[in-house]
Amino acid sequence: MRRITFFARPVLLLLPAVLFHGCYSFRGVSLDPSIQSYYITPFANNAENALPSLAQTLEDALREKIRTESRLVYNDSEPDIEFRGTLVDYRISAEAPGPEK
């Protein structure tokens, strides 16, 4: 069994937010007023068999989520907050069809 690395934890926390963006919102979250800008470090894709574009897709979805649901401004030179992550595992599994619910 693989252990979750420090860098994988942010991805595991952000992945549901990005994939289920209709179910999660940044609204209601309070940020310190001194935090004005953010930066997203390019995600590393260390997962075997993962789509090569998956890391970029996650970055883009996170950037769009922050842009539309917060007051933060993207800044790559001196950001107040930085997001970073690494994809460490990617799996596809088959599931048999079941009865309708």
N, C-alpha and C. Protein backbone atom coordinates (compact mmCIF):
# COMPACT_ATOMS: atom_id res chain seq x y z
N MET A 1 0.83 -1.18 0.00
CA MET A 1 0.00 0.00 0.00
C MET A 1 0.88 1.25 0.00
N ARG A 2 0.58 2.17 -0.84
CA ARG A 2 1.36 3.40 -0.94
C ARG A 2 0.95 4.38 0.13
N ARG A 3 1.94 5.10 0.63
CA ARG A 3 1.67 6.15 1.60
C ARG A 3 1.41 7.45 0.85
N ILE A 4 0.57 8.27 1.39
CA ILE A 4 0.28 9.57 0.81
C ILE A 4 1.38 10.54 1.22
N THR A 5 2.01 11.15 0.25
CA THR A 5 3.10 12.07 0.56
C THR A 5 2.54 13.43 0.93
N PHE A 6 3.41 14.25 1.49
CA PHE A 6 3.01 15.60 1.89
C PHE A 6 2.44 16.38 0.72
N PHE A 7 3.05 16.23 -0.47
CA PHE A 7 2.61 16.99 -1.62
C PHE A 7 1.31 16.45 -2.21
N ALA A 8 0.96 15.22 -1.93
CA ALA A 8 -0.27 14.63 -2.46
C ALA A 8 -1.48 15.09 -1.67
N ARG A 9 -1.29 15.42 -0.43
CA ARG A 9 -2.43 15.82 0.40
C ARG A 9 -3.19 17.02 -0.15
N PRO A 10 -2.50 18.08 -0.59
CA PRO A 10 -3.26 19.20 -1.15
C PRO A 10 -4.07 18.79 -2.38
N VAL A 11 -3.51 17.92 -3.21
CA VAL A 11 -4.23 17.48 -4.39
C VAL A 11 -5.45 16.68 -3.97
N LEU A 12 -5.29 15.80 -3.00
CA LEU A 12 -6.42 15.01 -2.54
C LEU A 12 -7.50 15.90 -1.94
N LEU A 13 -7.12 16.98 -1.32
CA LEU A 13 -8.09 17.90 -0.76
C LEU A 13 -8.74 18.77 -1.83
N LEU A 14 -7.97 19.15 -2.84
CA LEU A 14 -8.48 20.01 -3.89
C LEU A 14 -9.21 19.25 -4.99
N LEU A 15 -8.85 18.01 -5.20
CA LEU A 15 -9.45 17.23 -6.28
C LEU A 15 -10.97 17.18 -6.19
N PRO A 16 -11.56 16.84 -5.03
CA PRO A 16 -13.02 16.85 -4.97
C PRO A 16 -13.60 18.23 -5.24
N ALA A 17 -12.95 19.26 -4.78
CA ALA A 17 -13.45 20.62 -5.01
C ALA A 17 -13.45 20.95 -6.50
N VAL A 18 -12.43 20.52 -7.21
CA VAL A 18 -12.35 20.81 -8.63
C VAL A 18 -13.31 19.93 -9.43
N LEU A 19 -13.35 18.66 -9.11
CA LEU A 19 -14.21 17.74 -9.86
C LEU A 19 -15.69 17.94 -9.57
N PHE A 20 -16.01 18.31 -8.36
CA PHE A 20 -17.40 18.49 -7.96
C PHE A 20 -17.68 19.96 -7.68
N HIS A 21 -17.25 20.81 -8.63
CA HIS A 21 -17.33 22.25 -8.40
C HIS A 21 -18.75 22.73 -8.17
N GLY A 22 -19.75 22.00 -8.60
CA GLY A 22 -21.13 22.39 -8.34
C GLY A 22 -21.53 22.10 -6.91
N CYS A 23 -20.81 21.21 -6.24
CA CYS A 23 -21.14 20.82 -4.87
C CYS A 23 -20.36 21.60 -3.83
N TYR A 24 -19.31 22.28 -4.23
CA TYR A 24 -18.45 22.97 -3.27
C TYR A 24 -18.32 24.42 -3.68
N SER A 25 -18.22 25.29 -2.70
CA SER A 25 -18.12 26.70 -2.98
C SER A 25 -17.13 27.35 -2.03
N PHE A 26 -16.43 28.37 -2.50
CA PHE A 26 -15.56 29.15 -1.63
C PHE A 26 -16.35 30.20 -0.87
N ARG A 27 -17.59 30.38 -1.21
CA ARG A 27 -18.41 31.37 -0.52
C ARG A 27 -18.53 31.00 0.95
N GLY A 28 -18.48 32.00 1.79
CA GLY A 28 -18.59 31.76 3.22
C GLY A 28 -17.24 31.56 3.89
N VAL A 29 -16.18 31.44 3.09
CA VAL A 29 -14.84 31.30 3.63
C VAL A 29 -14.28 32.70 3.84
N SER A 30 -13.74 32.94 5.02
CA SER A 30 -13.17 34.27 5.25
C SER A 30 -11.66 34.22 5.11
N LEU A 31 -11.13 35.16 4.37
CA LEU A 31 -9.70 35.30 4.17
C LEU A 31 -9.25 36.56 4.90
N ASP A 32 -8.06 36.50 5.40
CA ASP A 32 -7.46 37.68 6.01
C ASP A 32 -7.45 38.80 4.97
N PRO A 33 -7.90 40.00 5.34
CA PRO A 33 -7.94 41.10 4.37
C PRO A 33 -6.58 41.43 3.74
N SER A 34 -5.49 41.04 4.38
CA SER A 34 -4.17 41.33 3.81
C SER A 34 -3.83 40.39 2.64
N ILE A 35 -4.56 39.30 2.49
CA ILE A 35 -4.33 38.37 1.38
C ILE A 35 -5.08 38.89 0.16
N GLN A 36 -4.32 39.33 -0.84
CA GLN A 36 -4.91 39.92 -2.03
C GLN A 36 -4.65 39.12 -3.31
N SER A 37 -3.58 38.32 -3.32
CA SER A 37 -3.19 37.65 -4.56
C SER A 37 -2.84 36.19 -4.30
N TYR A 38 -2.85 35.41 -5.37
CA TYR A 38 -2.51 33.98 -5.28
C TYR A 38 -1.71 33.57 -6.51
N TYR A 39 -1.07 32.42 -6.37
CA TYR A 39 -0.32 31.81 -7.48
C TYR A 39 -0.50 30.31 -7.39
N ILE A 40 -0.60 29.66 -8.53
CA ILE A 40 -0.70 28.21 -8.57
C ILE A 40 0.57 27.68 -9.22
N THR A 41 1.39 26.99 -8.42
CA THR A 41 2.60 26.37 -8.94
C THR A 41 2.19 25.23 -9.87
N PRO A 42 2.82 25.08 -11.01
CA PRO A 42 2.46 23.97 -11.91
C PRO A 42 2.50 22.63 -11.17
N PHE A 43 1.41 21.89 -11.24
CA PHE A 43 1.31 20.60 -10.58
C PHE A 43 2.22 19.60 -11.28
N ALA A 44 2.91 18.79 -10.50
CA ALA A 44 3.73 17.72 -11.05
C ALA A 44 2.85 16.49 -11.27
N ASN A 45 3.08 15.79 -12.35
CA ASN A 45 2.30 14.59 -12.65
C ASN A 45 3.21 13.38 -12.51
N ASN A 46 3.25 12.78 -11.32
CA ASN A 46 4.07 11.59 -11.06
C ASN A 46 3.25 10.31 -11.08
N ALA A 47 2.00 10.39 -11.46
CA ALA A 47 1.12 9.23 -11.46
C ALA A 47 1.33 8.40 -12.72
N GLU A 48 1.45 7.11 -12.53
CA GLU A 48 1.57 6.21 -13.68
C GLU A 48 0.23 6.13 -14.40
N ASN A 49 0.26 6.07 -15.70
CA ASN A 49 -0.91 5.91 -16.55
C ASN A 49 -1.87 7.08 -16.51
N ALA A 50 -1.49 8.19 -15.91
CA ALA A 50 -2.38 9.35 -15.87
C ALA A 50 -2.34 10.07 -17.21
N LEU A 51 -3.43 10.70 -17.54
CA LEU A 51 -3.45 11.50 -18.76
C LEU A 51 -2.40 12.60 -18.65
N PRO A 52 -1.63 12.83 -19.67
CA PRO A 52 -0.59 13.85 -19.60
C PRO A 52 -1.14 15.25 -19.29
N SER A 53 -2.37 15.50 -19.69
CA SER A 53 -2.95 16.83 -19.50
C SER A 53 -3.71 16.98 -18.19
N LEU A 54 -3.76 15.94 -17.37
CA LEU A 54 -4.57 15.98 -16.15
C LEU A 54 -4.10 17.06 -15.17
N ALA A 55 -2.81 17.18 -14.96
CA ALA A 55 -2.30 18.20 -14.03
C ALA A 55 -2.67 19.59 -14.51
N GLN A 56 -2.53 19.86 -15.79
CA GLN A 56 -2.89 21.17 -16.33
C GLN A 56 -4.38 21.42 -16.22
N THR A 57 -5.19 20.39 -16.44
CA THR A 57 -6.63 20.52 -16.32
C THR A 57 -7.02 20.88 -14.89
N LEU A 58 -6.39 20.24 -13.91
CA LEU A 58 -6.67 20.56 -12.50
C LEU A 58 -6.25 21.99 -12.17
N GLU A 59 -5.10 22.40 -12.64
CA GLU A 59 -4.63 23.77 -12.42
C GLU A 59 -5.62 24.78 -12.99
N ASP A 60 -6.04 24.55 -14.23
CA ASP A 60 -6.97 25.47 -14.88
C ASP A 60 -8.30 25.54 -14.14
N ALA A 61 -8.80 24.39 -13.71
CA ALA A 61 -10.08 24.37 -12.99
C ALA A 61 -9.96 25.09 -11.64
N LEU A 62 -8.86 24.89 -10.95
CA LEU A 62 -8.64 25.58 -9.68
C LEU A 62 -8.52 27.09 -9.89
N ARG A 63 -7.77 27.49 -10.91
CA ARG A 63 -7.60 28.91 -11.22
C ARG A 63 -8.96 29.55 -11.52
N GLU A 64 -9.78 28.89 -12.30
CA GLU A 64 -11.10 29.40 -12.64
C GLU A 64 -12.00 29.47 -11.41
N LYS A 65 -11.93 28.48 -10.57
CA LYS A 65 -12.72 28.45 -9.33
C LYS A 65 -12.37 29.62 -8.43
N ILE A 66 -11.09 29.85 -8.25
CA ILE A 66 -10.65 30.96 -7.40
C ILE A 66 -11.03 32.30 -8.03
N ARG A 67 -10.86 32.40 -9.34
CA ARG A 67 -11.17 33.65 -10.04
C ARG A 67 -12.64 34.03 -9.92
N THR A 68 -13.52 33.04 -10.04
CA THR A 68 -14.95 33.34 -10.05
C THR A 68 -15.57 33.39 -8.66
N GLU A 69 -14.94 32.77 -7.66
CA GLU A 69 -15.58 32.69 -6.35
C GLU A 69 -14.80 33.37 -5.22
N SER A 70 -13.80 34.16 -5.56
CA SER A 70 -13.08 34.88 -4.52
C SER A 70 -12.66 36.24 -5.05
N ARG A 71 -12.16 37.06 -4.18
CA ARG A 71 -11.68 38.39 -4.56
C ARG A 71 -10.20 38.39 -4.92
N LEU A 72 -9.54 37.22 -4.83
CA LEU A 72 -8.10 37.14 -5.05
C LEU A 72 -7.75 37.40 -6.51
N VAL A 73 -6.58 37.99 -6.72
CA VAL A 73 -6.07 38.30 -8.05
C VAL A 73 -4.84 37.43 -8.31
N TYR A 74 -4.77 36.86 -9.52
CA TYR A 74 -3.63 36.02 -9.88
C TYR A 74 -2.37 36.88 -9.99
N ASN A 75 -1.29 36.43 -9.35
CA ASN A 75 -0.03 37.17 -9.38
C ASN A 75 1.11 36.15 -9.32
N ASP A 76 1.93 36.10 -10.35
CA ASP A 76 3.02 35.12 -10.36
C ASP A 76 4.35 35.68 -9.88
N SER A 77 4.41 36.95 -9.53
CA SER A 77 5.68 37.50 -9.07
C SER A 77 5.81 37.51 -7.54
N GLU A 78 4.85 38.05 -6.82
CA GLU A 78 4.90 38.08 -5.36
C GLU A 78 3.52 37.81 -4.77
N PRO A 79 3.03 36.59 -4.85
CA PRO A 79 1.68 36.30 -4.35
C PRO A 79 1.64 36.25 -2.82
N ASP A 80 0.46 36.49 -2.28
CA ASP A 80 0.26 36.39 -0.84
C ASP A 80 0.02 34.93 -0.41
N ILE A 81 -0.52 34.13 -1.32
CA ILE A 81 -0.79 32.72 -1.03
C ILE A 81 -0.45 31.90 -2.28
N GLU A 82 0.04 30.68 -2.06
CA GLU A 82 0.47 29.84 -3.18
C GLU A 82 -0.13 28.45 -3.04
N PHE A 83 -0.65 27.94 -4.13
CA PHE A 83 -1.19 26.58 -4.17
C PHE A 83 -0.21 25.71 -4.94
N ARG A 84 0.05 24.50 -4.44
CA ARG A 84 0.92 23.57 -5.16
C ARG A 84 0.44 22.15 -4.90
N GLY A 85 0.75 21.26 -5.83
CA GLY A 85 0.32 19.88 -5.67
C GLY A 85 1.06 18.95 -6.61
N THR A 86 0.92 17.67 -6.33
CA THR A 86 1.54 16.62 -7.14
C THR A 86 0.54 15.48 -7.30
N LEU A 87 0.36 15.02 -8.52
CA LEU A 87 -0.46 13.83 -8.76
C LEU A 87 0.42 12.62 -8.53
N VAL A 88 0.02 11.74 -7.63
CA VAL A 88 0.86 10.59 -7.31
C VAL A 88 0.22 9.26 -7.67
N ASP A 89 -1.08 9.25 -7.93
CA ASP A 89 -1.74 7.99 -8.25
C ASP A 89 -2.92 8.26 -9.16
N TYR A 90 -3.13 7.38 -10.11
CA TYR A 90 -4.23 7.51 -11.06
C TYR A 90 -4.71 6.11 -11.39
N ARG A 91 -5.98 5.87 -11.19
CA ARG A 91 -6.53 4.53 -11.46
C ARG A 91 -7.85 4.63 -12.19
N ILE A 92 -8.07 3.70 -13.06
CA ILE A 92 -9.34 3.54 -13.74
C ILE A 92 -9.82 2.14 -13.43
N SER A 93 -11.04 2.03 -12.98
CA SER A 93 -11.57 0.72 -12.67
C SER A 93 -12.93 0.54 -13.34
N ALA A 94 -13.16 -0.67 -13.77
CA ALA A 94 -14.43 -1.00 -14.42
C ALA A 94 -15.47 -1.29 -13.34
N GLU A 95 -16.67 -0.90 -13.64
CA GLU A 95 -17.77 -1.16 -12.71
C GLU A 95 -18.94 -1.73 -13.52
N ALA A 96 -19.47 -2.83 -13.03
CA ALA A 96 -20.60 -3.46 -13.74
C ALA A 96 -21.86 -2.62 -13.54
N PRO A 97 -22.70 -2.59 -14.57
CA PRO A 97 -23.95 -1.85 -14.41
C PRO A 97 -24.81 -2.49 -13.32
N GLY A 98 -25.50 -1.66 -12.61
CA GLY A 98 -26.37 -2.14 -11.54
C GLY A 98 -27.80 -1.71 -11.81
N PRO A 99 -28.70 -2.12 -10.95
CA PRO A 99 -30.10 -1.73 -11.13
C PRO A 99 -30.27 -0.22 -10.93
N GLU A 100 -31.29 0.32 -11.63
CA GLU A 100 -31.57 1.74 -11.49
C GLU A 100 -32.10 2.03 -10.10
N LYS A 101 -31.73 3.20 -9.60
CA LYS A 101 -32.22 3.59 -8.28
C LYS A 101 -33.25 4.65 -8.39
